[in-house]
């Protein structure tokens, strides 16, 4: 069972993603304020981080860069989960260090496979 940190400022989204993570056999933890994500990740030691892009304060792209710059977190895979579906957002996500990009609304079966794929890297 992997520990998966979900960072999204929308509580309904984190609740949904928590359910999907649990159904996939993993242990979810959520943070709704991006500014608390690095501290939470350092405490939780997640095996995977799911990040929204559009968040108040630090956006997901910047947060991904901060995660990848952190010595203790740099090897944790990050999947961006966003309503944005444009090429620029995807390019920026991968350039920031994300290993995958899932567009909202998520499809449960696809979501589970993508999580497993990132964990198996």
PDB file of N, CA and C in Angstrom:
ATOM      1  N   UNK A   1       0.851  -1.184   0.000  1.00  0.00           N
ATOM      2  CA  UNK A   1       0.000   0.000   0.000  1.00  0.00           C
ATOM      3  C   UNK A   1       0.893   1.242   0.000  1.00  0.00           C
ATOM      4  N   UNK A   2       0.720   2.064  -1.013  1.00  0.00           N
ATOM      5  CA  UNK A   2       1.501   3.297  -1.150  1.00  0.00           C
ATOM      6  C   UNK A   2       0.798   4.463  -0.458  1.00  0.00           C
ATOM      7  N   UNK A   3       1.596   5.401   0.032  1.00  0.00           N
ATOM      8  CA  UNK A   3       1.066   6.641   0.600  1.00  0.00           C
ATOM      9  C   UNK A   3       1.044   7.680  -0.521  1.00  0.00           C
ATOM     10  N   UNK A   4      -0.133   8.244  -0.755  1.00  0.00           N
ATOM     11  CA  UNK A   4      -0.297   9.201  -1.843  1.00  0.00           C
ATOM     12  C   UNK A   4      -0.812  10.521  -1.288  1.00  0.00           C
ATOM     13  N   UNK A   5      -0.026  11.584  -1.516  1.00  0.00           N
ATOM     14  CA  UNK A   5      -0.406  12.922  -1.074  1.00  0.00           C
ATOM     15  C   UNK A   5      -1.140  13.636  -2.197  1.00  0.00           C
ATOM     16  N   UNK A   6      -2.327  14.138  -1.890  1.00  0.00           N
ATOM     17  CA  UNK A   6      -3.162  14.877  -2.841  1.00  0.00           C
ATOM     18  C   UNK A   6      -3.124  16.347  -2.447  1.00  0.00           C
ATOM     19  N   UNK A   7      -2.762  17.208  -3.398  1.00  0.00           N
ATOM     20  CA  UNK A   7      -2.709  18.644  -3.132  1.00  0.00           C
ATOM     21  C   UNK A   7      -3.644  19.337  -4.121  1.00  0.00           C
ATOM     22  N   UNK A   8      -4.756  19.824  -3.613  1.00  0.00           N
ATOM     23  CA  UNK A   8      -5.757  20.505  -4.438  1.00  0.00           C
ATOM     24  C   UNK A   8      -6.526  21.444  -3.531  1.00  0.00           C
ATOM     25  N   UNK A   9      -6.797  22.659  -3.990  1.00  0.00           N
ATOM     26  CA  UNK A   9      -7.499  23.624  -3.137  1.00  0.00           C
ATOM     27  C   UNK A   9      -9.013  23.424  -3.119  1.00  0.00           C
ATOM     28  N   UNK A  10      -9.505  22.482  -3.922  1.00  0.00           N
ATOM     29  CA  UNK A  10     -10.939  22.194  -3.956  1.00  0.00           C
ATOM     30  C   UNK A  10     -11.224  20.955  -3.101  1.00  0.00           C
ATOM     31  N   UNK A  11     -11.963  21.139  -2.011  1.00  0.00           N
ATOM     32  CA  UNK A  11     -12.224  20.044  -1.069  1.00  0.00           C
ATOM     33  C   UNK A  11     -13.015  18.913  -1.714  1.00  0.00           C
ATOM     34  N   UNK A  12     -13.949  19.228  -2.597  1.00  0.00           N
ATOM     35  CA  UNK A  12     -14.701  18.167  -3.284  1.00  0.00           C
ATOM     36  C   UNK A  12     -13.780  17.304  -4.129  1.00  0.00           C
ATOM     37  N   UNK A  13     -12.823  17.937  -4.775  1.00  0.00           N
ATOM     38  CA  UNK A  13     -11.875  17.188  -5.598  1.00  0.00           C
ATOM     39  C   UNK A  13     -10.998  16.299  -4.728  1.00  0.00           C
ATOM     40  N   UNK A  14     -10.491  16.831  -3.617  1.00  0.00           N
ATOM     41  CA  UNK A  14      -9.643  15.996  -2.760  1.00  0.00           C
ATOM     42  C   UNK A  14     -10.440  14.823  -2.192  1.00  0.00           C
ATOM     43  N   UNK A  15     -11.699  15.045  -1.864  1.00  0.00           N
ATOM     44  CA  UNK A  15     -12.539  13.961  -1.354  1.00  0.00           C
ATOM     45  C   UNK A  15     -12.718  12.875  -2.416  1.00  0.00           C
ATOM     46  N   UNK A  16     -12.981  13.287  -3.652  1.00  0.00           N
ATOM     47  CA  UNK A  16     -13.125  12.327  -4.747  1.00  0.00           C
ATOM     48  C   UNK A  16     -11.819  11.564  -4.979  1.00  0.00           C
ATOM     49  N   UNK A  17     -10.707  12.287  -5.059  1.00  0.00           N
ATOM     50  CA  UNK A  17      -9.422  11.638  -5.300  1.00  0.00           C
ATOM     51  C   UNK A  17      -9.032  10.713  -4.148  1.00  0.00           C
ATOM     52  N   UNK A  18      -9.353  11.101  -2.921  1.00  0.00           N
ATOM     53  CA  UNK A  18      -9.102  10.220  -1.777  1.00  0.00           C
ATOM     54  C   UNK A  18      -9.844   8.902  -1.940  1.00  0.00           C
ATOM     55  N   UNK A  19     -11.099   8.982  -2.372  1.00  0.00           N
ATOM     56  CA  UNK A  19     -11.896   7.767  -2.586  1.00  0.00           C
ATOM     57  C   UNK A  19     -11.278   6.886  -3.671  1.00  0.00           C
ATOM     58  N   UNK A  20     -10.857   7.496  -4.771  1.00  0.00           N
ATOM     59  CA  UNK A  20     -10.258   6.738  -5.865  1.00  0.00           C
ATOM     60  C   UNK A  20      -8.926   6.110  -5.444  1.00  0.00           C
ATOM     61  N   UNK A  21      -8.139   6.840  -4.670  1.00  0.00           N
ATOM     62  CA  UNK A  21      -6.868   6.308  -4.180  1.00  0.00           C
ATOM     63  C   UNK A  21      -7.120   5.121  -3.254  1.00  0.00           C
ATOM     64  N   UNK A  22      -8.099   5.260  -2.372  1.00  0.00           N
ATOM     65  CA  UNK A  22      -8.452   4.180  -1.448  1.00  0.00           C
ATOM     66  C   UNK A  22      -8.945   2.957  -2.215  1.00  0.00           C
ATOM     67  N   UNK A  23      -9.801   3.177  -3.214  1.00  0.00           N
ATOM     68  CA  UNK A  23     -10.312   2.064  -4.031  1.00  0.00           C
ATOM     69  C   UNK A  23      -9.184   1.365  -4.790  1.00  0.00           C
ATOM     70  N   UNK A  24      -8.102   2.083  -5.045  1.00  0.00           N
ATOM     71  CA  UNK A  24      -6.946   1.500  -5.730  1.00  0.00           C
ATOM     72  C   UNK A  24      -6.031   0.750  -4.763  1.00  0.00           C
ATOM     73  N   UNK A  25      -6.406   0.745  -3.477  1.00  0.00           N
ATOM     74  CA  UNK A  25      -5.643   0.004  -2.490  1.00  0.00           C
ATOM     75  C   UNK A  25      -4.511   0.784  -1.851  1.00  0.00           C
ATOM     76  N   UNK A  26      -4.571   2.106  -1.947  1.00  0.00           N
ATOM     77  CA  UNK A  26      -3.501   2.930  -1.396  1.00  0.00           C
ATOM     78  C   UNK A  26      -4.034   3.837  -0.288  1.00  0.00           C
ATOM     79  N   UNK A  27      -3.124   4.466   0.422  1.00  0.00           N
ATOM     80  CA  UNK A  27      -3.464   5.323   1.559  1.00  0.00           C
ATOM     81  C   UNK A  27      -3.351   6.788   1.160  1.00  0.00           C
ATOM     82  N   UNK A  28      -4.488   7.513   1.106  1.00  0.00           N
ATOM     83  CA  UNK A  28      -4.441   8.931   0.735  1.00  0.00           C
ATOM     84  C   UNK A  28      -4.223   9.859   1.926  1.00  0.00           C
ATOM     85  N   UNK A  29      -3.645  11.008   1.629  1.00  0.00           N
ATOM     86  CA  UNK A  29      -3.567  12.129   2.564  1.00  0.00           C
ATOM     87  C   UNK A  29      -3.766  13.376   1.713  1.00  0.00           C
ATOM     88  N   UNK A  30      -4.449  14.375   2.243  1.00  0.00           N
ATOM     89  CA  UNK A  30      -4.760  15.565   1.450  1.00  0.00           C
ATOM     90  C   UNK A  30      -4.313  16.844   2.117  1.00  0.00           C
ATOM     91  N   UNK A  31      -3.977  17.807   1.260  1.00  0.00           N
ATOM     92  CA  UNK A  31      -3.650  19.162   1.684  1.00  0.00           C
ATOM     93  C   UNK A  31      -4.421  20.096   0.756  1.00  0.00           C
ATOM     94  N   UNK A  32      -5.137  21.055   1.328  1.00  0.00           N
ATOM     95  CA  UNK A  32      -5.925  21.979   0.520  1.00  0.00           C
ATOM     96  C   UNK A  32      -5.257  23.336   0.328  1.00  0.00           C
ATOM     97  N   UNK A  33      -4.151  23.570   0.996  1.00  0.00           N
ATOM     98  CA  UNK A  33      -3.409  24.816   0.816  1.00  0.00           C
ATOM     99  C   UNK A  33      -2.028  24.467   0.273  1.00  0.00           C
ATOM    100  N   UNK A  34      -1.729  24.974  -0.906  1.00  0.00           N
ATOM    101  CA  UNK A  34      -0.451  24.622  -1.532  1.00  0.00           C
ATOM    102  C   UNK A  34       0.751  25.012  -0.678  1.00  0.00           C
ATOM    103  N   UNK A  35       0.606  26.077   0.094  1.00  0.00           N
ATOM    104  CA  UNK A  35       1.739  26.518   0.915  1.00  0.00           C
ATOM    105  C   UNK A  35       2.077  25.509   2.017  1.00  0.00           C
ATOM    106  N   UNK A  36       1.157  24.588   2.322  1.00  0.00           N
ATOM    107  CA  UNK A  36       1.401  23.566   3.350  1.00  0.00           C
ATOM    108  C   UNK A  36       1.882  22.242   2.760  1.00  0.00           C
ATOM    109  N   UNK A  37       1.992  22.167   1.457  1.00  0.00           N
ATOM    110  CA  UNK A  37       2.267  20.888   0.799  1.00  0.00           C
ATOM    111  C   UNK A  37       3.665  20.343   1.086  1.00  0.00           C
ATOM    112  N   UNK A  38       4.687  21.183   1.049  1.00  0.00           N
ATOM    113  CA  UNK A  38       6.056  20.710   1.269  1.00  0.00           C
ATOM    114  C   UNK A  38       6.207  20.173   2.697  1.00  0.00           C
ATOM    115  N   UNK A  39       5.670  20.896   3.655  1.00  0.00           N
ATOM    116  CA  UNK A  39       5.745  20.438   5.047  1.00  0.00           C
ATOM    117  C   UNK A  39       4.996  19.123   5.216  1.00  0.00           C
ATOM    118  N   UNK A  40       3.808  19.029   4.622  1.00  0.00           N
ATOM    119  CA  UNK A  40       3.025  17.789   4.709  1.00  0.00           C
ATOM    120  C   UNK A  40       3.776  16.635   4.056  1.00  0.00           C
ATOM    121  N   UNK A  41       4.366  16.892   2.897  1.00  0.00           N
ATOM    122  CA  UNK A  41       5.107  15.840   2.194  1.00  0.00           C
ATOM    123  C   UNK A  41       6.305  15.379   3.018  1.00  0.00           C
ATOM    124  N   UNK A  42       6.980  16.300   3.660  1.00  0.00           N
ATOM    125  CA  UNK A  42       8.138  15.946   4.485  1.00  0.00           C
ATOM    126  C   UNK A  42       7.726  15.104   5.685  1.00  0.00           C
ATOM    127  N   UNK A  43       6.537  15.363   6.214  1.00  0.00           N
ATOM    128  CA  UNK A  43       6.025  14.621   7.357  1.00  0.00           C
ATOM    129  C   UNK A  43       5.502  13.245   6.943  1.00  0.00           C
ATOM    130  N   UNK A  44       4.754  13.212   5.849  1.00  0.00           N
ATOM    131  CA  UNK A  44       4.076  11.987   5.398  1.00  0.00           C
ATOM    132  C   UNK A  44       5.027  11.021   4.690  1.00  0.00           C
ATOM    133  N   UNK A  45       6.042  11.546   4.011  1.00  0.00           N
ATOM    134  CA  UNK A  45       6.921  10.728   3.169  1.00  0.00           C
ATOM    135  C   UNK A  45       6.122   9.954   2.127  1.00  0.00           C
ATOM    136  N   UNK A  46       5.419  10.645   1.235  1.00  0.00           N
ATOM    137  CA  UNK A  46       4.560   9.946   0.274  1.00  0.00           C
ATOM    138  C   UNK A  46       5.371   9.193  -0.776  1.00  0.00           C
ATOM    139  N   UNK A  47       4.724   8.180  -1.343  1.00  0.00           N
ATOM    140  CA  UNK A  47       5.307   7.426  -2.449  1.00  0.00           C
ATOM    141  C   UNK A  47       4.960   8.079  -3.783  1.00  0.00           C
ATOM    142  N   UNK A  48       3.954   8.955  -3.758  1.00  0.00           N
ATOM    143  CA  UNK A  48       3.462   9.635  -4.961  1.00  0.00           C
ATOM    144  C   UNK A  48       2.744  10.901  -4.518  1.00  0.00           C
ATOM    145  N   UNK A  49       2.844  11.954  -5.342  1.00  0.00           N
ATOM    146  CA  UNK A  49       2.139  13.206  -5.058  1.00  0.00           C
ATOM    147  C   UNK A  49       1.270  13.546  -6.260  1.00  0.00           C
ATOM    148  N   UNK A  50       0.006  13.870  -5.999  1.00  0.00           N
ATOM    149  CA  UNK A  50      -0.932  14.332  -7.021  1.00  0.00           C
ATOM    150  C   UNK A  50      -1.133  15.827  -6.817  1.00  0.00           C
ATOM    151  N   UNK A  51      -0.862  16.624  -7.861  1.00  0.00           N
ATOM    152  CA  UNK A  51      -0.951  18.084  -7.743  1.00  0.00           C
ATOM    153  C   UNK A  51      -1.931  18.677  -8.731  1.00  0.00           C
ATOM    154  N   UNK A  52      -2.757  19.579  -8.252  1.00  0.00           N
ATOM    155  CA  UNK A  52      -3.568  20.417  -9.131  1.00  0.00           C
ATOM    156  C   UNK A  52      -2.668  21.543  -9.630  1.00  0.00           C
ATOM    157  N   UNK A  53      -2.982  22.113 -10.774  1.00  0.00           N
ATOM    158  CA  UNK A  53      -2.192  23.241 -11.269  1.00  0.00           C
ATOM    159  C   UNK A  53      -2.732  24.564 -10.733  1.00  0.00           C
ATOM    160  N   UNK A  54      -4.033  24.774 -10.913  1.00  0.00           N
ATOM    161  CA  UNK A  54      -4.621  26.070 -10.559  1.00  0.00           C
ATOM    162  C   UNK A  54      -5.002  26.099  -9.080  1.00  0.00           C
ATOM    163  N   UNK A  55      -4.084  26.648  -8.286  1.00  0.00           N
ATOM    164  CA  UNK A  55      -4.337  26.786  -6.859  1.00  0.00           C
ATOM    165  C   UNK A  55      -3.956  28.187  -6.438  1.00  0.00           C
ATOM    166  N   UNK A  56      -4.633  28.665  -5.410  1.00  0.00           N
ATOM    167  CA  UNK A  56      -4.335  29.982  -4.860  1.00  0.00           C
ATOM    168  C   UNK A  56      -2.971  29.932  -4.173  1.00  0.00           C
ATOM    169  N   UNK A  57      -2.231  30.990  -4.280  1.00  0.00           N
ATOM    170  CA  UNK A  57      -0.893  31.004  -3.689  1.00  0.00           C
ATOM    171  C   UNK A  57       0.095  30.391  -4.661  1.00  0.00           C
ATOM    172  N   UNK A  58       0.738  29.328  -4.242  1.00  0.00           N
ATOM    173  CA  UNK A  58       1.704  28.631  -5.102  1.00  0.00           C
ATOM    174  C   UNK A  58       0.942  27.708  -6.036  1.00  0.00           C
ATOM    175  N   UNK A  59       1.102  27.912  -7.352  1.00  0.00           N
ATOM    176  CA  UNK A  59       0.388  27.015  -8.272  1.00  0.00           C
ATOM    177  C   UNK A  59       1.119  25.674  -8.363  1.00  0.00           C
ATOM    178  N   UNK A  60       0.476  24.700  -8.973  1.00  0.00           N
ATOM    179  CA  UNK A  60       1.012  23.352  -9.030  1.00  0.00           C
ATOM    180  C   UNK A  60       2.330  23.233  -9.773  1.00  0.00           C
ATOM    181  N   UNK A  61       2.530  24.035 -10.805  1.00  0.00           N
ATOM    182  CA  UNK A  61       3.784  23.996 -11.562  1.00  0.00           C
ATOM    183  C   UNK A  61       4.937  24.442 -10.652  1.00  0.00           C
ATOM    184  N   UNK A  62       4.744  25.561  -9.968  1.00  0.00           N
ATOM    185  CA  UNK A  62       5.773  26.058  -9.055  1.00  0.00           C
ATOM    186  C   UNK A  62       5.999  25.089  -7.900  1.00  0.00           C
ATOM    187  N   UNK A  63       4.919  24.517  -7.395  1.00  0.00           N
ATOM    188  CA  UNK A  63       5.029  23.560  -6.298  1.00  0.00           C
ATOM    189  C   UNK A  63       5.802  22.319  -6.738  1.00  0.00           C
ATOM    190  N   UNK A  64       5.564  21.860  -7.944  1.00  0.00           N
ATOM    191  CA  UNK A  64       6.302  20.716  -8.478  1.00  0.00           C
ATOM    192  C   UNK A  64       7.795  21.037  -8.529  1.00  0.00           C
ATOM    193  N   UNK A  65       8.146  22.239  -8.967  1.00  0.00           N
ATOM    194  CA  UNK A  65       9.559  22.652  -9.002  1.00  0.00           C
ATOM    195  C   UNK A  65      10.160  22.653  -7.600  1.00  0.00           C
ATOM    196  N   UNK A  66       9.401  23.131  -6.618  1.00  0.00           N
ATOM    197  CA  UNK A  66       9.879  23.146  -5.235  1.00  0.00           C
ATOM    198  C   UNK A  66      10.086  21.728  -4.702  1.00  0.00           C
ATOM    199  N   UNK A  67       9.173  20.838  -5.041  1.00  0.00           N
ATOM    200  CA  UNK A  67       9.287  19.436  -4.620  1.00  0.00           C
ATOM    201  C   UNK A  67      10.546  18.820  -5.220  1.00  0.00           C
ATOM    202  N   UNK A  68      10.757  19.054  -6.498  1.00  0.00           N
ATOM    203  CA  UNK A  68      11.913  18.476  -7.187  1.00  0.00           C
ATOM    204  C   UNK A  68      13.233  19.094  -6.729  1.00  0.00           C
ATOM    205  N   UNK A  69      13.183  20.302  -6.141  1.00  0.00           N
ATOM    206  CA  UNK A  69      14.384  20.950  -5.624  1.00  0.00           C
ATOM    207  C   UNK A  69      14.696  20.517  -4.191  1.00  0.00           C
ATOM    208  N   UNK A  70      13.747  19.853  -3.541  1.00  0.00           N
ATOM    209  CA  UNK A  70      13.914  19.414  -2.159  1.00  0.00           C
ATOM    210  C   UNK A  70      14.663  18.079  -2.141  1.00  0.00           C
ATOM    211  N   UNK A  71      15.776  18.029  -1.449  1.00  0.00           N
ATOM    212  CA  UNK A  71      16.613  16.827  -1.400  1.00  0.00           C
ATOM    213  C   UNK A  71      15.843  15.587  -0.967  1.00  0.00           C
ATOM    214  N   UNK A  72      14.942  15.733  -0.011  1.00  0.00           N
ATOM    215  CA  UNK A  72      14.203  14.583   0.515  1.00  0.00           C
ATOM    216  C   UNK A  72      13.018  14.179  -0.344  1.00  0.00           C
ATOM    217  N   UNK A  73      12.560  15.049  -1.228  1.00  0.00           N
ATOM    218  CA  UNK A  73      11.353  14.773  -2.016  1.00  0.00           C
ATOM    219  C   UNK A  73      11.621  14.613  -3.512  1.00  0.00           C
ATOM    220  N   UNK A  74      12.815  14.931  -3.959  1.00  0.00           N
ATOM    221  CA  UNK A  74      13.079  15.003  -5.398  1.00  0.00           C
ATOM    222  C   UNK A  74      12.804  13.703  -6.154  1.00  0.00           C
ATOM    223  N   UNK A  75      12.877  12.566  -5.481  1.00  0.00           N
ATOM    224  CA  UNK A  75      12.646  11.288  -6.155  1.00  0.00           C
ATOM    225  C   UNK A  75      11.196  10.811  -6.077  1.00  0.00           C
ATOM    226  N   UNK A  76      10.348  11.567  -5.408  1.00  0.00           N
ATOM    227  CA  UNK A  76       8.934  11.207  -5.320  1.00  0.00           C
ATOM    228  C   UNK A  76       8.257  11.586  -6.638  1.00  0.00           C
ATOM    229  N   UNK A  77       7.624  10.621  -7.322  1.00  0.00           N
ATOM    230  CA  UNK A  77       6.953  10.970  -8.573  1.00  0.00           C
ATOM    231  C   UNK A  77       5.762  11.900  -8.325  1.00  0.00           C
ATOM    232  N   UNK A  78       5.571  12.820  -9.261  1.00  0.00           N
ATOM    233  CA  UNK A  78       4.464  13.780  -9.193  1.00  0.00           C
ATOM    234  C   UNK A  78       3.599  13.607 -10.434  1.00  0.00           C
ATOM    235  N   UNK A  79       2.296  13.495 -10.219  1.00  0.00           N
ATOM    236  CA  UNK A  79       1.331  13.488 -11.314  1.00  0.00           C
ATOM    237  C   UNK A  79       0.496  14.755 -11.183  1.00  0.00           C
ATOM    238  N   UNK A  80       0.416  15.517 -12.268  1.00  0.00           N
ATOM    239  CA  UNK A  80      -0.452  16.683 -12.279  1.00  0.00           C
ATOM    240  C   UNK A  80      -1.873  16.210 -12.602  1.00  0.00           C
ATOM    241  N   UNK A  81      -2.840  16.702 -11.846  1.00  0.00           N
ATOM    242  CA  UNK A  81      -4.254  16.383 -12.067  1.00  0.00           C
ATOM    243  C   UNK A  81      -4.958  17.727 -12.214  1.00  0.00           C
ATOM    244  N   UNK A  82      -5.368  18.060 -13.443  1.00  0.00           N
ATOM    245  CA  UNK A  82      -5.846  19.417 -13.695  1.00  0.00           C
ATOM    246  C   UNK A  82      -6.996  19.452 -14.691  1.00  0.00           C
ATOM    247  N   UNK A  83      -7.814  20.474 -14.561  1.00  0.00           N
ATOM    248  CA  UNK A  83      -8.877  20.723 -15.544  1.00  0.00           C
ATOM    249  C   UNK A  83      -8.283  21.327 -16.812  1.00  0.00           C
ATOM    250  N   UNK A  84      -7.078  21.863 -16.712  1.00  0.00           N
ATOM    251  CA  UNK A  84      -6.409  22.411 -17.896  1.00  0.00           C
ATOM    252  C   UNK A  84      -6.033  21.260 -18.818  1.00  0.00           C
ATOM    253  N   UNK A  85      -6.198  21.473 -20.103  1.00  0.00           N
ATOM    254  CA  UNK A  85      -5.909  20.401 -21.057  1.00  0.00           C
ATOM    255  C   UNK A  85      -5.112  20.931 -22.244  1.00  0.00           C
ATOM    256  N   UNK A  86      -4.447  22.069 -22.050  1.00  0.00           N
ATOM    257  CA  UNK A  86      -3.716  22.685 -23.156  1.00  0.00           C
ATOM    258  C   UNK A  86      -2.276  22.187 -23.186  1.00  0.00           C
ATOM    259  N   UNK A  87      -1.682  22.277 -24.334  1.00  0.00           N
ATOM    260  CA  UNK A  87      -0.316  21.814 -24.543  1.00  0.00           C
ATOM    261  C   UNK A  87       0.683  22.530 -23.638  1.00  0.00           C
ATOM    262  N   UNK A  88       0.505  23.837 -23.447  1.00  0.00           N
ATOM    263  CA  UNK A  88       1.413  24.618 -22.615  1.00  0.00           C
ATOM    264  C   UNK A  88       1.427  24.140 -21.172  1.00  0.00           C
ATOM    265  N   UNK A  89       0.260  23.846 -20.614  1.00  0.00           N
ATOM    266  CA  UNK A  89       0.182  23.368 -19.228  1.00  0.00           C
ATOM    267  C   UNK A  89       0.856  22.009 -19.088  1.00  0.00           C
ATOM    268  N   UNK A  90       0.649  21.158 -20.092  1.00  0.00           N
ATOM    269  CA  UNK A  90       1.283  19.834 -20.052  1.00  0.00           C
ATOM    270  C   UNK A  90       2.798  19.972 -20.175  1.00  0.00           C
ATOM    271  N   UNK A  91       3.254  20.796 -21.098  1.00  0.00           N
ATOM    272  CA  UNK A  91       4.688  21.007 -21.290  1.00  0.00           C
ATOM    273  C   UNK A  91       5.313  21.566 -20.011  1.00  0.00           C
ATOM    274  N   UNK A  92       4.678  22.586 -19.422  1.00  0.00           N
ATOM    275  CA  UNK A  92       5.198  23.190 -18.197  1.00  0.00           C
ATOM    276  C   UNK A  92       5.247  22.178 -17.051  1.00  0.00           C
ATOM    277  N   UNK A  93       4.246  21.312 -16.983  1.00  0.00           N
ATOM    278  CA  UNK A  93       4.197  20.282 -15.938  1.00  0.00           C
ATOM    279  C   UNK A  93       5.367  19.314 -16.069  1.00  0.00           C
ATOM    280  N   UNK A  94       5.583  18.828 -17.281  1.00  0.00           N
ATOM    281  CA  UNK A  94       6.689  17.882 -17.498  1.00  0.00           C
ATOM    282  C   UNK A  94       8.040  18.560 -17.303  1.00  0.00           C
ATOM    283  N   UNK A  95       8.159  19.809 -17.731  1.00  0.00           N
ATOM    284  CA  UNK A  95       9.410  20.551 -17.531  1.00  0.00           C
ATOM    285  C   UNK A  95       9.692  20.799 -16.045  1.00  0.00           C
ATOM    286  N   UNK A  96       8.631  20.879 -15.251  1.00  0.00           N
ATOM    287  CA  UNK A  96       8.786  21.082 -13.806  1.00  0.00           C
ATOM    288  C   UNK A  96       9.161  19.788 -13.087  1.00  0.00           C
ATOM    289  N   UNK A  97       9.008  18.652 -13.777  1.00  0.00           N
ATOM    290  CA  UNK A  97       9.394  17.377 -13.176  1.00  0.00           C
ATOM    291  C   UNK A  97       8.282  16.365 -13.001  1.00  0.00           C
ATOM    292  N   UNK A  98       7.061  16.691 -13.437  1.00  0.00           N
ATOM    293  CA  UNK A  98       5.956  15.737 -13.327  1.00  0.00           C
ATOM    294  C   UNK A  98       6.214  14.529 -14.232  1.00  0.00           C
ATOM    295  N   UNK A  99       5.744  13.367 -13.792  1.00  0.00           N
ATOM    296  CA  UNK A  99       5.910  12.144 -14.586  1.00  0.00           C
ATOM    297  C   UNK A  99       4.675  11.831 -15.414  1.00  0.00           C
ATOM    298  N   UNK A 100       3.544  12.479 -15.095  1.00  0.00           N
ATOM    299  CA  UNK A 100       2.306  12.225 -15.825  1.00  0.00           C
ATOM    300  C   UNK A 100       1.368  13.414 -15.649  1.00  0.00           C
ATOM    301  N   UNK A 101       0.333  13.441 -16.468  1.00  0.00           N
ATOM    302  CA  UNK A 101      -0.649  14.529 -16.458  1.00  0.00           C
ATOM    303  C   UNK A 101      -2.016  13.900 -16.688  1.00  0.00           C
ATOM    304  N   UNK A 102      -2.912  14.056 -15.730  1.00  0.00           N
ATOM    305  CA  UNK A 102      -4.275  13.524 -15.843  1.00  0.00           C
ATOM    306  C   UNK A 102      -5.236  14.696 -15.898  1.00  0.00           C
ATOM    307  N   UNK A 103      -6.120  14.665 -16.876  1.00  0.00           N
ATOM    308  CA  UNK A 103      -7.097  15.737 -17.043  1.00  0.00           C
ATOM    309  C   UNK A 103      -8.365  15.431 -16.254  1.00  0.00           C
ATOM    310  N   UNK A 104      -8.860  16.447 -15.534  1.00  0.00           N
ATOM    311  CA  UNK A 104     -10.146  16.342 -14.830  1.00  0.00           C
ATOM    312  C   UNK A 104     -11.259  16.564 -15.841  1.00  0.00           C
ATOM    313  N   UNK A 105     -12.404  15.948 -15.677  1.00  0.00           N
ATOM    314  CA  UNK A 105     -12.712  14.973 -14.636  1.00  0.00           C
ATOM    315  C   UNK A 105     -11.978  13.655 -14.903  1.00  0.00           C
ATOM    316  N   UNK A 106     -11.515  13.033 -13.820  1.00  0.00           N
ATOM    317  CA  UNK A 106     -10.747  11.800 -13.959  1.00  0.00           C
ATOM    318  C   UNK A 106     -11.672  10.618 -14.209  1.00  0.00           C
ATOM    319  N   UNK A 107     -11.157   9.665 -14.971  1.00  0.00           N
ATOM    320  CA  UNK A 107     -11.872   8.404 -15.198  1.00  0.00           C
ATOM    321  C   UNK A 107     -11.265   7.383 -14.242  1.00  0.00           C
ATOM    322  N   UNK A 108     -12.072   6.795 -13.360  1.00  0.00           N
ATOM    323  CA  UNK A 108     -11.544   5.929 -12.296  1.00  0.00           C
ATOM    324  C   UNK A 108     -10.570   4.840 -12.765  1.00  0.00           C
ATOM    325  N   UNK A 109     -10.909   4.105 -13.815  1.00  0.00           N
ATOM    326  CA  UNK A 109     -10.018   3.020 -14.259  1.00  0.00           C
ATOM    327  C   UNK A 109      -8.697   3.566 -14.773  1.00  0.00           C
ATOM    328  N   UNK A 110      -8.764   4.619 -15.573  1.00  0.00           N
ATOM    329  CA  UNK A 110      -7.566   5.248 -16.105  1.00  0.00           C
ATOM    330  C   UNK A 110      -6.721   5.809 -14.965  1.00  0.00           C
ATOM    331  N   UNK A 111      -7.375   6.433 -13.996  1.00  0.00           N
ATOM    332  CA  UNK A 111      -6.708   7.028 -12.844  1.00  0.00           C
ATOM    333  C   UNK A 111      -5.917   5.966 -12.080  1.00  0.00           C
ATOM    334  N   UNK A 112      -6.546   4.828 -11.809  1.00  0.00           N
ATOM    335  CA  UNK A 112      -5.887   3.753 -11.070  1.00  0.00           C
ATOM    336  C   UNK A 112      -4.664   3.229 -11.827  1.00  0.00           C
ATOM    337  N   UNK A 113      -4.792   3.088 -13.129  1.00  0.00           N
ATOM    338  CA  UNK A 113      -3.670   2.600 -13.941  1.00  0.00           C
ATOM    339  C   UNK A 113      -2.520   3.596 -13.953  1.00  0.00           C
ATOM    340  N   UNK A 114      -2.837   4.865 -14.055  1.00  0.00           N
ATOM    341  CA  UNK A 114      -1.800   5.895 -14.116  1.00  0.00           C
ATOM    342  C   UNK A 114      -1.058   5.996 -12.784  1.00  0.00           C
ATOM    343  N   UNK A 115      -1.802   5.866 -11.673  1.00  0.00           N
ATOM    344  CA  UNK A 115      -1.170   5.869 -10.356  1.00  0.00           C
ATOM    345  C   UNK A 115      -0.203   4.688 -10.254  1.00  0.00           C
ATOM    346  N   UNK A 116      -0.678   3.522 -10.637  1.00  0.00           N
ATOM    347  CA  UNK A 116       0.159   2.333 -10.554  1.00  0.00           C
ATOM    348  C   UNK A 116       1.387   2.460 -11.434  1.00  0.00           C
ATOM    349  N   UNK A 117       1.203   3.034 -12.633  1.00  0.00           N
ATOM    350  CA  UNK A 117       2.324   3.243 -13.527  1.00  0.00           C
ATOM    351  C   UNK A 117       3.395   4.141 -12.911  1.00  0.00           C
ATOM    352  N   UNK A 118       2.954   5.208 -12.255  1.00  0.00           N
ATOM    353  CA  UNK A 118       3.908   6.132 -11.622  1.00  0.00           C
ATOM    354  C   UNK A 118       4.604   5.470 -10.442  1.00  0.00           C
ATOM    355  N   UNK A 119       3.888   4.664  -9.696  1.00  0.00           N
ATOM    356  CA  UNK A 119       4.476   3.970  -8.539  1.00  0.00           C
ATOM    357  C   UNK A 119       5.471   2.909  -8.981  1.00  0.00           C
ATOM    358  N   UNK A 120       5.258   2.330 -10.150  1.00  0.00           N
ATOM    359  CA  UNK A 120       6.145   1.270 -10.645  1.00  0.00           C
ATOM    360  C   UNK A 120       7.416   1.797 -11.285  1.00  0.00           C
ATOM    361  N   UNK A 121       7.511   3.092 -11.499  1.00  0.00           N
ATOM    362  CA  UNK A 121       8.715   3.666 -12.142  1.00  0.00           C
ATOM    363  C   UNK A 121       9.944   3.458 -11.307  1.00  0.00           C
TER     364      UNK A 121
END
